[in-house]
N, C-alpha and C. Protein backbone atom coordinates (compact mmCIF):
# COMPACT_ATOMS: atom_id res chain seq x y z
N MET A 1 0.93 -1.06 0.16
CA MET A 1 0.23 0.35 -0.24
C MET A 1 0.61 1.63 -0.04
N TYR A 2 2.18 1.26 0.79
CA TYR A 2 2.58 2.28 0.72
C TYR A 2 3.51 2.51 -0.57
N ALA A 3 3.40 1.55 -1.41
CA ALA A 3 4.45 1.85 -2.98
C ALA A 3 3.39 2.49 -3.66
N ILE A 4 2.05 1.99 -3.56
CA ILE A 4 0.98 2.97 -4.20
C ILE A 4 1.26 4.06 -4.04
N ILE A 5 1.09 4.69 -2.43
CA ILE A 5 1.05 6.16 -2.06
C ILE A 5 1.58 6.47 -2.74
N GLN A 6 3.20 6.28 -2.44
CA GLN A 6 4.66 6.68 -2.73
C GLN A 6 4.54 6.97 -4.62
N MET A 7 3.85 6.25 -5.31
CA MET A 7 3.87 6.46 -6.62
C MET A 7 2.81 7.40 -7.49
N TYR A 8 1.70 7.78 -6.60
CA TYR A 8 0.22 8.22 -6.55
C TYR A 8 1.17 9.53 -6.31
N GLU A 9 1.64 9.49 -5.13
CA GLU A 9 2.55 11.45 -4.36
C GLU A 9 3.18 11.70 -6.06
N ALA A 10 4.66 10.78 -6.84
CA ALA A 10 5.19 11.15 -7.50
C ALA A 10 4.87 11.97 -8.90
N THR A 11 3.82 10.82 -9.18
CA THR A 11 3.06 11.48 -10.17
C THR A 11 2.30 12.45 -9.99
N ARG A 12 1.86 12.44 -8.78
CA ARG A 12 1.17 14.14 -8.62
C ARG A 12 2.49 15.26 -8.93
N ASP A 13 3.71 14.94 -8.30
CA ASP A 13 4.57 16.13 -7.82
C ASP A 13 5.30 16.04 -9.48
N PHE A 14 4.90 14.99 -9.74
CA PHE A 14 5.72 15.22 -11.69
C PHE A 14 4.52 16.23 -12.47
N MET A 15 3.01 15.86 -12.29
CA MET A 15 2.35 16.37 -13.10
C MET A 15 2.01 18.27 -12.40
N GLU A 16 2.23 18.63 -10.96
CA GLU A 16 2.75 20.04 -11.03
C GLU A 16 3.45 20.23 -11.54
N LEU A 17 4.80 19.95 -11.68
CA LEU A 17 6.15 20.57 -12.33
C LEU A 17 5.49 21.08 -13.64
N GLY A 18 4.34 19.85 -14.42
CA GLY A 18 4.52 20.52 -15.92
C GLY A 18 3.54 21.29 -15.86
N GLY A 19 2.57 21.93 -14.72
CA GLY A 19 1.75 22.32 -15.75
C GLY A 19 0.35 21.68 -16.07
N ASP A 20 -0.62 22.54 -15.87
CA ASP A 20 -2.01 22.29 -16.86
C ASP A 20 -1.88 21.48 -18.18
N ILE A 21 -1.25 22.32 -18.99
CA ILE A 21 -1.08 21.12 -20.30
C ILE A 21 -0.79 19.70 -19.74
N LEU A 22 0.23 19.45 -19.00
CA LEU A 22 0.43 18.59 -18.17
C LEU A 22 -0.80 17.13 -18.68
N PHE A 23 -1.80 17.54 -17.87
CA PHE A 23 -3.36 16.90 -17.67
C PHE A 23 -3.68 17.02 -19.23
N VAL A 24 -3.60 17.83 -19.87
CA VAL A 24 -4.24 17.50 -21.16
C VAL A 24 -3.47 16.34 -21.77
N ILE A 25 -2.10 16.53 -22.11
CA ILE A 25 -1.25 15.38 -22.95
C ILE A 25 -1.67 14.51 -22.15
N ALA A 26 -1.47 13.79 -20.63
CA ALA A 26 -2.11 12.59 -20.01
C ALA A 26 -3.63 11.99 -20.77
N TRP A 27 -4.62 12.73 -21.28
CA TRP A 27 -5.69 12.47 -21.63
C TRP A 27 -5.58 12.01 -22.67
N VAL A 28 -5.06 12.84 -24.05
CA VAL A 28 -4.90 12.47 -25.47
C VAL A 28 -4.26 11.34 -25.24
N THR A 29 -3.00 11.27 -24.13
CA THR A 29 -2.17 9.69 -24.52
C THR A 29 -2.78 8.70 -23.92
N LEU A 30 -3.65 8.51 -22.64
CA LEU A 30 -4.82 7.87 -22.29
C LEU A 30 -5.44 7.28 -23.57
N LEU A 31 -6.12 8.07 -23.85
CA LEU A 31 -7.20 8.26 -25.42
C LEU A 31 -6.50 7.25 -26.43
N MET A 32 -5.50 7.83 -27.02
CA MET A 32 -4.61 6.83 -27.97
C MET A 32 -4.39 5.59 -27.55
N TRP A 33 -4.20 4.99 -26.06
CA TRP A 33 -3.43 4.00 -25.81
C TRP A 33 -5.09 3.05 -25.79
N ILE A 34 -5.69 3.77 -25.26
CA ILE A 34 -7.25 2.96 -25.33
C ILE A 34 -7.99 2.36 -26.86
N LEU A 35 -7.46 3.45 -28.07
CA LEU A 35 -7.62 3.12 -29.52
C LEU A 35 -6.54 2.32 -29.45
N ILE A 36 -5.24 2.41 -29.46
CA ILE A 36 -4.14 1.16 -29.61
C ILE A 36 -4.81 0.10 -29.30
N LEU A 37 -4.65 -0.19 -28.01
CA LEU A 37 -5.39 -1.42 -27.16
C LEU A 37 -6.18 -2.00 -27.66
N GLU A 38 -7.18 -1.63 -28.17
CA GLU A 38 -8.18 -1.89 -28.48
C GLU A 38 -8.37 -2.70 -30.17
N ARG A 39 -7.44 -1.97 -31.68
CA ARG A 39 -6.69 -2.04 -32.13
C ARG A 39 -6.00 -3.58 -32.10
N PHE A 40 -5.47 -3.71 -31.54
CA PHE A 40 -4.60 -4.91 -31.06
C PHE A 40 -5.42 -6.39 -30.94
N ILE A 41 -6.70 -5.82 -29.78
CA ILE A 41 -6.98 -6.60 -29.26
C ILE A 41 -8.37 -6.94 -30.50
N TYR A 42 -8.59 -6.15 -31.29
CA TYR A 42 -9.41 -6.66 -32.63
C TYR A 42 -8.71 -7.19 -33.39
N PHE A 43 -6.70 -7.11 -33.96
CA PHE A 43 -6.74 -7.99 -34.66
C PHE A 43 -6.46 -9.05 -34.45
N SER A 44 -6.00 -9.57 -32.98
CA SER A 44 -5.98 -10.72 -32.57
C SER A 44 -7.29 -11.45 -32.50
N THR A 45 -8.61 -11.53 -32.45
CA THR A 45 -10.02 -11.38 -32.54
C THR A 45 -10.60 -11.54 -33.27
N ALA A 46 -11.43 -10.27 -33.41
CA ALA A 46 -12.05 -10.69 -34.05
C ALA A 46 -12.21 -10.02 -35.36
N PHE A 47 -10.85 -10.01 -35.81
CA PHE A 47 -10.52 -9.76 -37.79
C PHE A 47 -10.50 -11.17 -37.91
N ARG A 48 -9.73 -12.11 -37.25
CA ARG A 48 -9.61 -13.37 -37.96
C ARG A 48 -10.99 -14.08 -37.91
N ARG A 49 -11.95 -13.89 -37.10
CA ARG A 49 -13.30 -14.79 -37.16
C ARG A 49 -13.86 -13.42 -38.51
N GLN A 50 -13.81 -12.87 -38.74
CA GLN A 50 -14.49 -11.66 -40.06
C GLN A 50 -14.13 -11.57 -41.27
N VAL A 51 -12.89 -12.47 -41.32
CA VAL A 51 -11.88 -12.95 -42.62
C VAL A 51 -12.61 -14.33 -42.58
N GLN A 52 -12.45 -15.32 -42.22
CA GLN A 52 -12.87 -16.55 -41.97
C GLN A 52 -14.43 -16.06 -42.47
N ALA A 53 -15.19 -15.52 -42.40
CA ALA A 53 -16.46 -15.38 -42.49
C ALA A 53 -16.29 -15.26 -44.06
N VAL A 54 -15.68 -13.83 -44.48
CA VAL A 54 -15.90 -13.22 -45.94
C VAL A 54 -15.41 -14.54 -47.01
N ILE A 55 -13.95 -15.07 -46.39
CA ILE A 55 -13.93 -16.33 -47.30
C ILE A 55 -14.94 -17.29 -47.58
N LYS A 56 -15.62 -17.61 -46.50
CA LYS A 56 -17.00 -19.12 -46.51
C LYS A 56 -17.61 -18.01 -47.49
N ARG A 57 -18.06 -16.88 -47.30
CA ARG A 57 -19.09 -16.19 -47.88
C ARG A 57 -18.94 -16.71 -49.64
N TRP A 58 -16.98 -16.03 -49.52
CA TRP A 58 -16.90 -16.12 -51.21
C TRP A 58 -16.36 -17.71 -51.68
N GLU A 59 -16.01 -18.18 -50.80
CA GLU A 59 -15.84 -19.70 -51.28
C GLU A 59 -17.46 -20.42 -51.71
N ALA A 60 -18.83 -19.98 -50.83
CA ALA A 60 -19.98 -20.50 -51.28
C ALA A 60 -20.34 -20.20 -52.60
N ARG A 61 -19.68 -19.24 -53.42
CA ARG A 61 -20.22 -18.73 -54.70
C ARG A 61 -20.16 -19.77 -55.30
N THR A 62 -20.96 -20.21 -56.49
CA THR A 62 -20.38 -21.02 -57.84
C THR A 62 -19.93 -20.16 -58.57
N GLU A 63 -20.22 -19.26 -59.09
CA GLU A 63 -19.69 -18.21 -60.22
C GLU A 63 -18.68 -17.43 -59.60
N ARG A 64 -17.96 -17.62 -59.98
CA ARG A 64 -16.36 -16.24 -59.51
C ARG A 64 -15.62 -15.39 -60.38
N THR A 65 -16.36 -15.42 -61.45
CA THR A 65 -15.21 -15.17 -62.93
C THR A 65 -15.88 -13.78 -63.61
N SER A 66 -17.70 -13.33 -62.93
CA SER A 66 -18.77 -12.29 -63.66
C SER A 66 -18.69 -11.13 -63.31
N TRP A 67 -18.88 -9.94 -63.84
CA TRP A 67 -18.42 -8.97 -63.40
C TRP A 67 -19.17 -8.32 -62.14
N ASN A 68 -20.07 -9.24 -62.15
CA ASN A 68 -21.01 -9.09 -60.93
C ASN A 68 -20.26 -9.16 -59.89
N ALA A 69 -19.58 -10.92 -60.32
CA ALA A 69 -18.61 -11.54 -58.90
C ALA A 69 -17.59 -10.45 -58.28
N TYR A 70 -16.72 -10.15 -59.37
CA TYR A 70 -15.95 -8.98 -59.13
C TYR A 70 -16.36 -7.88 -58.47
N GLN A 71 -17.48 -7.90 -58.19
CA GLN A 71 -18.11 -6.35 -57.77
C GLN A 71 -18.25 -6.50 -56.29
N ILE A 72 -19.17 -7.82 -56.17
CA ILE A 72 -19.62 -8.55 -54.91
C ILE A 72 -17.94 -8.82 -53.77
N ARG A 73 -17.21 -9.34 -54.77
CA ARG A 73 -15.62 -9.64 -54.19
C ARG A 73 -14.89 -8.34 -53.45
N GLN A 74 -15.18 -7.25 -54.42
CA GLN A 74 -14.49 -5.70 -54.22
C GLN A 74 -15.03 -5.33 -52.93
N ALA A 75 -16.74 -5.57 -52.72
CA ALA A 75 -17.29 -5.31 -51.52
C ALA A 75 -17.21 -5.71 -50.38
N LEU A 76 -16.71 -7.62 -50.32
CA LEU A 76 -16.58 -7.59 -49.33
C LEU A 76 -14.91 -7.28 -48.72
N ILE A 77 -14.03 -7.01 -49.94
CA ILE A 77 -12.69 -6.51 -49.64
C ILE A 77 -13.00 -5.16 -48.90
N SER A 78 -13.60 -4.41 -49.42
CA SER A 78 -13.81 -3.14 -48.72
C SER A 78 -14.47 -2.70 -47.64
N ARG A 79 -15.33 -3.50 -47.34
CA ARG A 79 -16.06 -3.60 -46.06
C ARG A 79 -14.85 -4.40 -44.60
N THR A 80 -13.90 -5.48 -45.25
CA THR A 80 -13.24 -5.77 -44.28
C THR A 80 -11.72 -4.61 -43.82
N THR A 81 -11.83 -4.10 -44.92
CA THR A 81 -11.03 -2.71 -44.82
C THR A 81 -11.09 -1.86 -43.92
N LEU A 82 -12.39 -1.53 -44.59
CA LEU A 82 -12.85 -0.25 -43.11
C LEU A 82 -13.10 -0.44 -42.00
N ASP A 83 -13.00 -2.06 -41.54
CA ASP A 83 -13.22 -2.47 -40.04
C ASP A 83 -11.76 -2.55 -40.11
N ALA A 84 -10.66 -2.84 -40.75
CA ALA A 84 -9.22 -2.91 -40.38
C ALA A 84 -8.72 -2.21 -39.66
N ILE A 85 -9.33 -0.42 -40.77
CA ILE A 85 -8.83 0.65 -40.53
C ILE A 85 -9.33 1.38 -39.91
N ARG A 86 -10.17 1.39 -39.33
CA ARG A 86 -11.41 1.80 -38.18
C ARG A 86 -10.14 2.33 -36.75
N PHE A 87 -10.00 3.85 -36.60
CA PHE A 87 -9.64 4.14 -35.76
C PHE A 87 -7.86 4.55 -36.08
N LEU A 88 -7.31 3.91 -37.36
CA LEU A 88 -6.20 3.98 -37.17
C LEU A 88 -5.61 5.44 -37.45
N PRO A 89 -6.75 6.30 -38.23
CA PRO A 89 -6.30 7.93 -38.46
C PRO A 89 -6.82 8.61 -37.50
N VAL A 90 -7.71 8.29 -36.34
CA VAL A 90 -7.75 8.61 -35.53
C VAL A 90 -6.57 8.69 -34.45
N ILE A 91 -6.27 7.36 -34.60
CA ILE A 91 -4.89 7.14 -33.21
C ILE A 91 -3.23 8.39 -34.43
N LYS A 92 -3.53 8.25 -35.18
CA LYS A 92 -2.42 9.06 -35.86
C LYS A 92 -2.49 10.42 -35.70
N SER A 93 -3.56 11.10 -35.66
CA SER A 93 -3.66 12.56 -35.12
C SER A 93 -3.65 12.40 -33.85
N LEU A 94 -3.61 11.39 -32.84
CA LEU A 94 -3.52 11.92 -31.23
C LEU A 94 -2.10 12.11 -31.16
N ILE A 95 -1.49 11.23 -31.98
CA ILE A 95 0.12 11.13 -32.10
C ILE A 95 0.38 12.61 -32.16
N SER A 96 0.08 12.72 -33.61
CA SER A 96 0.24 14.17 -34.34
C SER A 96 -0.05 15.35 -33.27
N LEU A 97 -0.61 14.94 -31.96
CA LEU A 97 -0.81 16.02 -31.64
C LEU A 97 -0.50 16.43 -30.02
N CYS A 98 -0.07 15.01 -29.69
CA CYS A 98 1.13 15.23 -28.60
C CYS A 98 1.70 16.04 -28.49
N PRO A 99 2.76 16.20 -29.39
CA PRO A 99 4.31 17.04 -29.45
C PRO A 99 3.82 18.61 -29.12
N LEU A 100 2.65 19.06 -30.33
CA LEU A 100 1.72 20.39 -30.50
C LEU A 100 1.69 20.79 -29.30
N LEU A 101 1.10 19.23 -27.84
CA LEU A 101 0.40 20.01 -26.58
C LEU A 101 1.93 20.22 -25.61
N GLY A 102 3.16 19.34 -26.20
CA GLY A 102 3.96 20.13 -25.23
C GLY A 102 4.50 21.69 -25.59
N LEU A 103 4.59 21.61 -27.41
CA LEU A 103 4.87 22.82 -27.39
C LEU A 103 4.06 23.78 -26.45
N LEU A 104 3.30 23.62 -27.30
CA LEU A 104 1.97 24.80 -25.99
C LEU A 104 2.48 24.91 -24.36
N GLY A 105 2.65 23.70 -24.22
CA GLY A 105 3.28 23.58 -22.89
C GLY A 105 4.69 24.79 -22.28
N THR A 106 5.36 24.56 -23.84
CA THR A 106 6.76 25.02 -23.44
C THR A 106 6.50 26.75 -23.72
N VAL A 107 5.60 27.20 -24.76
CA VAL A 107 4.99 27.97 -24.47
C VAL A 107 4.69 28.98 -23.29
N THR A 108 3.43 28.25 -23.03
CA THR A 108 3.01 28.71 -22.07
C THR A 108 4.31 29.01 -20.13
N GLY A 109 5.08 27.67 -20.31
CA GLY A 109 6.14 27.57 -19.36
C GLY A 109 7.15 29.17 -19.56
N MET A 110 7.50 29.27 -20.71
CA MET A 110 8.31 30.86 -21.01
C MET A 110 8.10 31.84 -20.90
N ILE A 111 6.00 31.45 -20.72
CA ILE A 111 5.59 32.98 -20.21
C ILE A 111 5.63 33.06 -18.95
N GLU A 112 5.80 31.95 -18.08
CA GLU A 112 6.17 32.52 -16.91
C GLU A 112 7.19 32.82 -16.65
N VAL A 113 7.98 32.26 -17.16
CA VAL A 113 9.51 32.67 -16.59
C VAL A 113 9.83 33.96 -16.95
N PHE A 114 8.99 34.67 -18.25
CA PHE A 114 9.21 35.84 -18.52
C PHE A 114 8.34 37.03 -17.92
N ASP A 115 7.51 36.41 -17.34
CA ASP A 115 6.68 37.21 -15.83
C ASP A 115 7.13 37.57 -14.66
N ALA A 116 8.29 36.41 -14.56
CA ALA A 116 9.03 36.61 -13.15
C ALA A 116 10.26 37.18 -13.72
N MET A 117 10.67 37.24 -14.43
CA MET A 117 11.97 38.00 -15.10
C MET A 117 11.06 39.33 -14.53
N ALA A 118 9.87 39.94 -15.34
CA ALA A 118 9.47 41.25 -15.29
C ALA A 118 9.61 41.31 -13.64
N ALA A 119 9.28 40.78 -13.40
CA ALA A 119 8.56 41.30 -11.69
C ALA A 119 10.15 41.40 -10.75
N PHE A 120 10.18 40.45 -10.82
CA PHE A 120 11.45 40.02 -9.58
C PHE A 120 12.92 40.74 -10.76
N GLY A 121 13.41 41.01 -11.52
CA GLY A 121 14.04 40.84 -12.08
C GLY A 121 15.02 39.43 -12.77
N SER A 122 16.15 39.59 -13.58
CA SER A 122 16.52 38.35 -13.80
C SER A 122 17.65 37.65 -12.31
N SER A 123 17.52 37.86 -11.82
CA SER A 123 17.99 37.78 -10.57
C SER A 123 18.16 36.54 -9.64
N ASP A 124 16.50 36.54 -9.66
CA ASP A 124 16.24 35.65 -9.21
C ASP A 124 15.59 34.21 -9.49
N ALA A 125 16.67 33.38 -9.15
CA ALA A 125 16.77 32.12 -10.17
C ALA A 125 15.77 30.95 -9.72
N ARG A 126 15.40 31.48 -8.34
CA ARG A 126 14.33 30.62 -8.27
C ARG A 126 12.29 30.83 -8.37
N SER A 127 12.47 31.77 -8.54
CA SER A 127 11.32 32.16 -9.64
C SER A 127 11.74 31.38 -11.07
N MET A 128 12.19 31.82 -12.07
CA MET A 128 12.36 31.58 -13.37
C MET A 128 12.10 30.21 -13.03
N ALA A 129 12.93 29.12 -12.37
CA ALA A 129 12.90 27.78 -12.25
C ALA A 129 11.79 27.01 -12.33
N ALA A 130 10.64 27.35 -11.65
CA ALA A 130 8.84 27.07 -12.12
C ALA A 130 8.75 26.98 -13.29
N GLY A 131 9.51 27.92 -13.64
CA GLY A 131 8.62 28.53 -15.46
C GLY A 131 9.29 27.84 -16.60
N VAL A 132 10.72 27.52 -15.88
CA VAL A 132 12.29 26.37 -17.34
C VAL A 132 11.30 25.03 -17.04
N SER A 133 10.77 24.22 -15.71
CA SER A 133 10.20 23.09 -15.36
C SER A 133 9.57 23.30 -16.53
N LYS A 134 8.06 23.95 -15.99
CA LYS A 134 7.07 24.11 -17.53
C LYS A 134 7.11 24.11 -18.78
N ALA A 135 8.05 24.39 -18.73
CA ALA A 135 8.03 25.05 -20.37
C ALA A 135 8.79 23.54 -20.49
N THR A 136 9.88 22.58 -20.16
CA THR A 136 10.80 21.66 -20.42
C THR A 136 9.83 20.44 -20.60
N ILE A 137 9.28 20.17 -19.34
CA ILE A 137 8.60 19.16 -18.95
C ILE A 137 7.21 18.73 -19.46
N PRO A 138 6.62 19.51 -20.09
CA PRO A 138 5.18 18.96 -21.17
C PRO A 138 6.24 18.16 -22.58
N THR A 139 7.49 19.34 -23.10
CA THR A 139 7.54 19.23 -24.26
C THR A 139 8.08 17.54 -24.39
N MET A 140 9.15 16.89 -23.27
CA MET A 140 9.39 15.93 -23.01
C MET A 140 7.96 14.96 -22.69
N ALA A 141 6.80 15.22 -22.52
CA ALA A 141 5.71 14.42 -22.24
C ALA A 141 5.42 14.39 -23.39
N GLY A 142 5.04 15.41 -24.01
CA GLY A 142 4.36 15.33 -25.35
C GLY A 142 5.20 14.63 -26.51
N MET A 143 6.35 14.53 -26.59
CA MET A 143 7.13 13.30 -27.36
C MET A 143 7.16 12.39 -26.90
N VAL A 144 7.16 11.57 -25.48
CA VAL A 144 7.46 10.60 -24.86
C VAL A 144 6.21 9.63 -25.54
N ALA A 145 5.25 10.87 -25.41
CA ALA A 145 4.00 10.44 -25.81
C ALA A 145 3.48 10.16 -27.56
N ALA A 146 4.08 10.71 -27.60
CA ALA A 146 4.21 10.36 -29.50
C ALA A 146 5.14 9.12 -29.80
N LEU A 147 5.91 9.50 -29.42
CA LEU A 147 6.75 8.29 -29.63
C LEU A 147 6.64 6.67 -29.18
N SER A 148 5.91 6.83 -28.33
CA SER A 148 5.37 5.66 -27.74
C SER A 148 4.37 5.23 -28.89
N GLY A 149 3.32 6.11 -28.67
CA GLY A 149 2.42 5.31 -30.42
C GLY A 149 2.40 5.49 -31.90
N VAL A 150 3.35 5.94 -31.59
CA VAL A 150 4.51 6.01 -33.64
C VAL A 150 4.85 4.54 -33.84
N PHE A 151 5.65 3.84 -33.14
CA PHE A 151 5.80 2.37 -33.27
C PHE A 151 4.39 1.80 -32.87
N CYS A 152 3.65 1.36 -32.00
CA CYS A 152 2.25 0.82 -31.90
C CYS A 152 1.38 1.19 -33.62
N SER A 153 1.71 2.23 -33.97
CA SER A 153 0.79 3.25 -34.82
C SER A 153 1.37 2.36 -35.74
N THR A 154 2.82 2.25 -36.47
CA THR A 154 3.25 1.67 -37.55
C THR A 154 2.89 0.78 -37.64
N TRP A 155 3.25 -0.26 -36.55
CA TRP A 155 2.95 -2.31 -36.94
C TRP A 155 0.94 -2.47 -37.14
N LEU A 156 0.52 -1.17 -36.03
CA LEU A 156 -0.95 -1.57 -36.82
C LEU A 156 -1.16 -1.59 -38.49
N ASN A 157 -0.84 -0.40 -38.92
CA ASN A 157 -0.88 0.04 -40.20
C ASN A 157 -0.20 -1.11 -40.97
N ARG A 158 0.85 -1.40 -40.69
CA ARG A 158 1.37 -2.55 -41.32
C ARG A 158 0.27 -4.13 -41.25
N LYS A 159 0.38 -4.38 -40.42
CA LYS A 159 -0.36 -5.69 -39.84
C LYS A 159 -1.63 -5.24 -40.92
N ALA A 160 -2.49 -4.40 -41.19
CA ALA A 160 -4.05 -4.18 -41.25
C ALA A 160 -3.15 -4.70 -43.30
N GLN A 161 -2.23 -3.58 -43.33
CA GLN A 161 -2.53 -3.80 -44.86
C GLN A 161 -1.67 -5.41 -45.30
N ARG A 162 -1.16 -5.80 -44.19
CA ARG A 162 -1.07 -7.14 -44.90
C ARG A 162 -1.64 -8.53 -44.76
N GLU A 163 -2.76 -7.97 -43.37
CA GLU A 163 -3.83 -8.88 -43.71
C GLU A 163 -4.17 -8.49 -44.97
N LEU A 164 -4.48 -7.04 -45.29
CA LEU A 164 -5.57 -7.26 -45.95
C LEU A 164 -5.48 -7.71 -47.88
N GLU A 165 -3.85 -7.53 -48.24
CA GLU A 165 -3.29 -7.94 -49.00
C GLU A 165 -3.61 -9.55 -48.87
N LEU A 166 -3.27 -10.59 -48.05
CA LEU A 166 -3.64 -12.24 -48.12
C LEU A 166 -4.82 -11.91 -48.32
N LEU A 167 -5.89 -11.26 -47.64
CA LEU A 167 -6.70 -11.59 -48.06
C LEU A 167 -7.58 -11.34 -49.39
N SER A 168 -6.88 -10.73 -50.24
CA SER A 168 -7.17 -10.15 -51.80
C SER A 168 -6.66 -11.10 -52.64
N GLU A 169 -5.53 -12.16 -51.96
CA GLU A 169 -4.82 -13.11 -52.98
C GLU A 169 -5.81 -14.18 -52.40
N THR A 170 -5.91 -14.18 -51.36
CA THR A 170 -7.15 -15.36 -50.99
C THR A 170 -8.39 -15.64 -51.78
N LEU A 171 -8.83 -14.28 -52.16
CA LEU A 171 -10.67 -14.23 -52.87
C LEU A 171 -9.88 -14.46 -53.75
N THR A 172 -9.80 -15.51 -54.46
CA THR A 172 -9.70 -15.89 -55.77
C THR A 172 -10.64 -16.03 -56.89
N THR A 173 -10.37 -15.31 -58.16
CA THR A 173 -11.73 -15.42 -59.11
C THR A 173 -11.73 -16.60 -60.42
N ASP A 174 -10.57 -17.81 -59.91
CA ASP A 174 -11.21 -18.50 -60.82
C ASP A 174 -11.82 -19.93 -60.11
N HIS A 175 -12.27 -20.95 -60.65
CA HIS A 175 -12.92 -21.99 -60.01
C HIS A 175 -11.39 -22.55 -59.40
């Protein structure tokens, strides 16, 4: 229990050092990771069943060479593609948003430094240090959040692309 309290206090202190924008970065990162985990779970469970159902439906057709059959094949692939890439653009947008929020935190922190310099002069290092930490911590947090999402987003995009190409090759148009 004591370790949990220490972790809470350390997190609270870190969030206070970074300023209000750090809470926004935390919420954006949380949303990004919820969507990433949803996509991981989808690809490991529901996507397999969906592909098997599409292949079963295609294989049940007796005629697969006409224009009409080609359009049905394209529709099956398109529906599966839409399900496979769901949330991937949102994840990419959230990844792009994290460094921008970090930059916003940098600007607000530097404003505090300049306010301290205007009020107390450049000789009061203690008053400037709080603004400097509010300037650097959100930048770091935004970059760390973005980098953590970039790797997973790249993997998810490649996974979707590979699986959809495999599905397209599996749905043959010959008997």
